[in-house]
Amino acid sequence: MPNMDVLPSVVEHGSLNRAAQALNISQPALSRKIAQLEEGLGILLFERKGKKLELTRLGQICYEHALEMREMEHKLMQRITEHHSSYKSITIGASLTTLQSTLPDLITLYTRDFPDTDIKAITGKTHEIVSLVKENKIDLGLVASKIDNPDLTCIPLFDDHLCLLLPANHRWAEKPGIEIGELQDLPMILFSKGTWYRILMDELFHRYTVYPDVKMEIDSFEAILRLVPTCNVATLLPKSYLRQTALDNNGLVLRNIPELQMTTRTTSLLFGRELALNVSTRDWIWKAKEHFSTGGAVLP
């Protein structure tokens, strides 16, 4: 069946010139479309009477059919819109560190106001999350980095830095001041290689020519918190992950070293074209921006 979407415009505007302007195409291009339509149907759609175009009898039948098709398309789009508005879902891609440190807080914030939204989360390395957002395979990305990409919008949420954690019975637990150089040969459990925070740690160690005694490399913050007191070692973790209850429950103390506060990493939201975002994604962005703009880096 030939495409008849231009036919109603020609009939309703009464001339090829006005119809072409309304359709934002040239008059010759519109004339070709009408000629192709007539050729495809094997009929004459219009008769010229002076400067006016009048539908033939078969042209009138085709016009009525085109109106029915336009109405059906309108109803289809309306049904699709209604479905999107009634079924709320969002798919979020989070880097391994943000999955453990920031995403749980954001889900808690979001579901307080939108409890019926279906939330899916996947994890990957930062460059993998960036690719998924660019390819529209996920709605949002949450990464511990600023991303400069012309195809994406990057919204910085908050700056984070590393902290030294020690078991409460560690020999340094009540030490008045700890200097960066004292981390040399200190037994530690660190985050796995390849993640942003481990890259941050390795850059820090290289900058100050300090190399701890790394006993384990683990890709779970929770596991590190539990193993640090068990093995009586130290660790470095991002401030955004630490809760006082978690420190108390695991018998840990937090110590600040001035150089660690310069290990800043920015956690950001990533998304594609704003016009293509669904309602749930827009709501998520709004909630995250509102929370962090008031200084709420983490939930208590």
Protein backbone atom coordinates (compact mmCIF):
# COMPACT_ATOMS: atom_id res chain seq x y z
CA MET A 1 0.00 0.00 0.00
CA PRO A 2 1.53 3.36 -1.04
CA ASN A 3 2.15 5.94 1.69
CA MET A 4 -0.71 8.44 1.65
CA ASP A 5 0.39 10.67 4.54
CA VAL A 6 0.76 13.78 2.31
CA LEU A 7 -2.72 13.49 0.79
CA PRO A 8 -4.69 15.04 3.69
CA SER A 9 -2.40 18.09 3.75
CA VAL A 10 -2.93 18.80 0.04
CA VAL A 11 -6.71 18.46 0.41
CA GLU A 12 -6.93 20.53 3.61
CA HIS A 13 -4.71 23.35 2.33
CA GLY A 14 -6.30 23.46 -1.10
CA SER A 15 -3.03 23.87 -3.00
CA LEU A 16 0.32 22.20 -3.47
CA ASN A 17 2.16 25.38 -2.52
CA ARG A 18 0.46 25.86 0.88
CA ALA A 19 0.62 22.13 1.62
CA ALA A 20 4.35 22.06 0.81
CA GLN A 21 4.95 24.95 3.23
CA ALA A 22 3.00 23.17 5.99
CA LEU A 23 4.94 19.95 5.38
CA ASN A 24 8.24 21.86 5.24
CA ILE A 25 9.19 20.43 1.85
CA SER A 26 9.55 22.01 -1.61
CA GLN A 27 6.56 22.14 -3.97
CA PRO A 28 8.35 20.05 -6.65
CA ALA A 29 9.08 17.40 -4.02
CA LEU A 30 5.42 17.33 -2.97
CA SER A 31 4.32 17.13 -6.61
CA ARG A 32 6.55 14.11 -7.09
CA LYS A 33 5.06 12.43 -4.01
CA ILE A 34 1.53 12.93 -5.35
CA ALA A 35 2.57 11.66 -8.79
CA GLN A 36 4.19 8.58 -7.23
CA LEU A 37 1.04 7.98 -5.15
CA GLU A 38 -1.18 8.19 -8.24
CA GLU A 39 1.15 5.89 -10.14
CA GLY A 40 1.22 3.39 -7.29
CA LEU A 41 -2.59 3.35 -6.98
CA GLY A 42 -3.16 3.52 -10.74
CA ILE A 43 -5.70 6.33 -10.41
CA LEU A 44 -6.00 10.11 -10.74
CA LEU A 45 -6.41 11.78 -7.36
CA PHE A 46 -6.99 15.41 -8.37
CA GLU A 47 -8.46 17.44 -11.16
CA ARG A 48 -7.34 21.00 -11.75
CA LYS A 49 -10.10 23.61 -12.00
CA GLY A 50 -8.36 26.89 -12.59
CA LYS A 51 -5.88 27.31 -9.75
CA LYS A 52 -7.77 24.92 -7.52
CA LEU A 53 -7.28 21.21 -6.98
CA GLU A 54 -10.39 19.10 -6.60
CA LEU A 55 -10.51 15.47 -5.58
CA THR A 56 -11.76 12.94 -8.06
CA ARG A 57 -14.32 10.42 -6.82
CA LEU A 58 -11.57 7.85 -6.25
CA GLY A 59 -9.42 10.60 -4.77
CA GLN A 60 -12.17 11.29 -2.21
CA ILE A 61 -12.21 7.61 -1.23
CA CYS A 62 -8.42 7.67 -0.83
CA TYR A 63 -8.63 10.88 1.22
CA GLU A 64 -11.16 9.32 3.62
CA HIS A 65 -8.95 6.25 3.95
CA ALA A 66 -5.90 8.47 4.66
CA LEU A 67 -7.86 10.24 7.42
CA GLU A 68 -8.77 6.89 8.96
CA MET A 69 -5.12 5.82 8.84
CA ARG A 70 -4.04 9.10 10.48
CA GLU A 71 -6.60 8.63 13.24
CA MET A 72 -5.47 5.06 13.83
CA GLU A 73 -1.85 6.21 14.06
CA HIS A 74 -2.88 8.91 16.53
CA LYS A 75 -4.69 6.33 18.69
CA LEU A 76 -1.66 4.03 18.55
CA MET A 77 0.67 6.77 19.76
CA GLN A 78 -1.82 7.69 22.47
CA ARG A 79 -1.91 4.07 23.68
CA ILE A 80 1.89 3.93 23.73
CA THR A 81 2.04 7.18 25.71
CA GLU A 82 -0.54 5.87 28.18
CA HIS A 83 1.51 2.69 28.62
CA HIS A 84 4.69 4.65 29.31
CA SER A 85 2.93 6.87 31.83
CA SER A 86 1.36 3.93 33.70
CA TYR A 87 4.40 1.64 33.67
CA LYS A 88 7.35 3.37 35.28
CA SER A 89 10.79 1.83 34.99
CA ILE A 90 14.41 2.89 34.98
CA THR A 91 17.64 1.03 34.21
CA ILE A 92 20.79 2.34 35.87
CA GLY A 93 24.36 1.38 35.13
CA ALA A 94 26.78 1.86 38.01
CA SER A 95 30.52 1.44 38.25
CA LEU A 96 31.58 -1.07 40.88
CA THR A 97 32.47 1.57 43.49
CA THR A 98 29.32 3.68 43.02
CA LEU A 99 27.20 0.52 43.06
CA GLN A 100 28.36 -0.08 46.63
CA SER A 101 28.82 3.48 47.87
CA THR A 102 26.24 5.79 46.26
CA LEU A 103 23.54 3.83 44.41
CA PRO A 104 21.86 2.37 47.53
CA ASP A 105 21.36 5.89 48.93
CA LEU A 106 19.92 7.17 45.66
CA ILE A 107 17.52 4.24 45.42
CA THR A 108 16.36 4.92 48.97
CA LEU A 109 15.79 8.60 48.16
CA TYR A 110 13.97 7.86 44.93
CA THR A 111 11.66 5.12 46.21
CA ARG A 112 10.45 7.31 49.08
CA ASP A 113 8.55 9.40 46.52
CA PHE A 114 8.19 6.86 43.67
CA PRO A 115 7.71 3.45 45.33
CA ASP A 116 6.04 1.82 42.31
CA THR A 117 8.91 2.34 39.86
CA ASP A 118 10.61 -0.80 38.56
CA ILE A 119 14.35 -0.18 39.08
CA LYS A 120 16.98 -2.31 37.35
CA ALA A 121 20.71 -1.93 38.00
CA ILE A 122 23.73 -3.35 36.22
CA THR A 123 27.40 -2.90 36.98
CA GLY A 124 30.55 -2.53 34.94
CA LYS A 125 33.73 -0.54 34.62
CA THR A 126 33.38 3.19 34.00
CA HIS A 127 34.13 3.00 30.27
CA GLU A 128 31.57 0.19 29.92
CA ILE A 129 28.88 2.29 31.64
CA VAL A 130 29.69 5.24 29.36
CA SER A 131 29.26 3.00 26.28
CA LEU A 132 25.94 1.62 27.54
CA VAL A 133 24.55 5.14 28.05
CA LYS A 134 25.75 6.24 24.58
CA GLU A 135 24.14 3.18 22.98
CA ASN A 136 20.83 3.83 24.84
CA LYS A 137 21.02 0.42 26.49
CA ILE A 138 20.55 1.99 29.93
CA ASP A 139 18.74 5.15 31.03
CA LEU A 140 21.39 6.53 33.38
CA GLY A 141 24.99 5.98 34.35
CA LEU A 142 26.45 6.54 37.82
CA VAL A 143 30.25 6.73 37.86
CA ALA A 144 33.01 7.99 40.15
CA SER A 145 34.42 10.33 37.54
CA LYS A 146 33.68 13.39 35.42
CA ILE A 147 33.00 12.37 31.82
CA ASP A 148 33.64 14.80 28.97
CA ASN A 149 31.73 13.45 25.97
CA PRO A 150 29.80 15.57 23.42
CA ASP A 151 27.09 12.89 23.15
CA LEU A 152 26.38 12.78 26.88
CA THR A 153 25.30 15.08 29.69
CA CYS A 154 27.42 14.73 32.82
CA ILE A 155 26.03 16.12 36.10
CA PRO A 156 28.57 16.22 38.97
CA LEU A 157 26.89 15.21 42.23
CA PHE A 158 29.60 15.45 44.87
CA ASP A 159 33.36 15.27 45.44
CA ASP A 160 34.74 12.38 47.44
CA HIS A 161 38.12 11.53 48.97
CA LEU A 162 39.85 8.57 50.56
CA CYS A 163 40.03 7.92 54.31
CA LEU A 164 42.28 5.66 56.37
CA LEU A 165 40.42 3.01 58.34
CA LEU A 166 41.96 1.07 61.21
CA PRO A 167 40.76 -1.58 63.66
CA ALA A 168 39.89 -0.03 67.03
CA ASN A 169 42.73 -2.01 68.65
CA HIS A 170 45.32 -1.03 66.02
CA ARG A 171 48.53 0.51 67.33
CA TRP A 172 47.71 3.72 65.41
CA ALA A 173 44.06 3.94 66.51
CA GLU A 174 44.82 6.77 68.96
CA LYS A 175 48.00 8.09 67.39
CA PRO A 176 47.89 11.95 67.49
CA GLY A 177 48.77 12.44 63.85
CA ILE A 178 49.52 10.14 60.93
CA GLU A 179 51.64 11.27 58.00
CA ILE A 180 51.41 9.87 54.48
CA GLY A 181 54.97 8.57 54.60
CA GLU A 182 54.05 6.27 57.50
CA LEU A 183 51.93 4.15 55.13
CA GLN A 184 55.19 2.66 53.80
CA ASP A 185 55.08 -1.11 54.40
CA LEU A 186 51.85 -0.78 56.40
CA PRO A 187 49.81 -4.03 56.08
CA MET A 188 46.66 -3.14 54.14
CA ILE A 189 43.68 -4.55 52.26
CA LEU A 190 42.95 -2.50 49.14
CA PHE A 191 40.28 -2.36 46.48
CA SER A 192 40.89 -4.40 43.33
CA LYS A 193 43.10 -3.05 40.55
CA GLY A 194 41.45 -1.36 37.59
CA THR A 195 38.75 0.48 39.55
CA TRP A 196 38.78 4.28 39.82
CA TYR A 197 39.48 4.29 43.57
CA ARG A 198 42.36 1.84 43.23
CA ILE A 199 43.79 3.98 40.42
CA LEU A 200 43.45 6.93 42.78
CA MET A 201 45.30 5.02 45.52
CA ASP A 202 48.10 3.90 43.22
CA GLU A 203 48.57 7.47 41.93
CA LEU A 204 48.76 8.65 45.56
CA PHE A 205 51.36 6.03 46.48
CA HIS A 206 53.46 6.83 43.41
CA ARG A 207 53.27 10.58 44.07
CA TYR A 208 54.62 10.26 47.61
CA THR A 209 56.84 7.22 46.92
CA VAL A 210 54.96 5.21 49.51
CA TYR A 211 54.24 1.52 49.02
CA PRO A 212 52.11 -0.30 51.63
CA ASP A 213 52.29 -4.03 52.21
CA VAL A 214 49.15 -5.09 50.30
CA LYS A 215 47.86 -8.30 51.87
CA MET A 216 44.64 -8.62 49.87
CA GLU A 217 42.87 -7.02 46.89
CA ILE A 218 39.08 -7.26 47.07
CA ASP A 219 36.29 -5.76 44.97
CA SER A 220 33.74 -5.47 47.80
CA PHE A 221 33.62 -2.62 50.30
CA GLU A 222 31.54 -4.76 52.66
CA ALA A 223 34.08 -7.57 52.60
CA ILE A 224 36.92 -5.13 53.26
CA LEU A 225 35.11 -3.66 56.28
CA ARG A 226 34.70 -7.13 57.77
CA LEU A 227 38.24 -8.33 57.01
CA VAL A 228 40.13 -5.28 58.26
CA PRO A 229 39.49 -5.98 62.00
CA THR A 230 39.75 -9.76 61.48
CA CYS A 231 43.20 -9.45 59.89
CA ASN A 232 44.22 -6.42 62.01
CA VAL A 233 45.24 -4.41 58.94
CA ALA A 234 44.44 -0.96 57.57
CA THR A 235 42.53 0.08 54.45
CA LEU A 236 41.63 3.12 52.35
CA LEU A 237 37.97 3.64 51.45
CA PRO A 238 35.99 6.54 49.95
CA LYS A 239 34.31 8.86 52.45
CA SER A 240 30.96 8.49 50.63
CA TYR A 241 30.72 4.83 51.63
CA LEU A 242 31.43 5.20 55.31
CA ARG A 243 28.60 5.26 57.86
CA GLN A 244 29.18 5.57 61.57
CA THR A 245 27.00 2.53 62.19
CA ALA A 246 29.16 0.44 59.83
CA LEU A 247 32.32 1.63 61.62
CA ASP A 248 30.87 0.87 65.04
CA ASN A 249 29.52 -2.54 64.01
CA ASN A 250 32.92 -3.59 62.65
CA GLY A 251 35.04 -2.04 65.40
CA LEU A 252 36.76 0.48 63.10
CA VAL A 253 38.07 4.01 63.50
CA LEU A 254 38.46 6.60 60.77
CA ARG A 255 41.63 8.66 60.55
CA ASN A 256 42.20 11.60 58.23
CA ILE A 257 45.54 12.22 56.58
CA PRO A 258 45.81 15.65 54.89
CA GLU A 259 47.19 14.18 51.66
CA LEU A 260 44.21 11.81 51.42
CA GLN A 261 41.81 14.74 51.30
CA MET A 262 43.47 15.78 48.05
CA THR A 263 42.58 12.44 46.42
CA THR A 264 39.35 13.91 45.12
CA ARG A 265 37.07 11.98 42.82
CA THR A 266 33.77 13.40 41.51
CA THR A 267 30.74 11.12 41.40
CA SER A 268 28.52 11.98 38.41
CA LEU A 269 25.27 11.10 36.66
CA LEU A 270 25.38 10.44 32.91
CA PHE A 271 22.56 10.45 30.40
CA GLY A 272 21.92 11.02 26.71
CA ARG A 273 19.56 13.39 24.89
CA GLU A 274 17.25 15.00 27.45
CA LEU A 275 14.26 14.99 25.10
CA ALA A 276 14.46 11.19 24.87
CA LEU A 277 14.40 10.61 28.64
CA ASN A 278 11.38 8.86 30.12
CA VAL A 279 9.47 10.26 33.09
CA SER A 280 11.15 8.00 35.63
CA THR A 281 14.63 8.99 34.47
CA ARG A 282 13.74 12.70 34.68
CA ASP A 283 12.41 12.15 38.21
CA TRP A 284 15.60 10.32 39.21
CA ILE A 285 17.81 13.15 37.91
CA TRP A 286 15.69 15.73 39.71
CA LYS A 287 15.83 13.82 43.04
CA ALA A 288 19.61 13.32 42.82
CA LYS A 289 20.30 16.97 41.94
CA GLU A 290 17.99 18.20 44.71
CA HIS A 291 19.63 15.98 47.32
CA PHE A 292 23.24 16.76 46.51
CA SER A 293 22.66 20.47 45.87
CA THR A 294 21.71 20.79 49.56
CA GLY A 295 24.96 19.17 50.63
CA GLY A 296 23.53 15.71 51.27
CA ALA A 297 26.50 13.67 50.08
CA VAL A 298 25.23 10.55 51.81
CA LEU A 299 22.34 9.44 53.95
CA PRO A 300 22.96 9.17 57.70
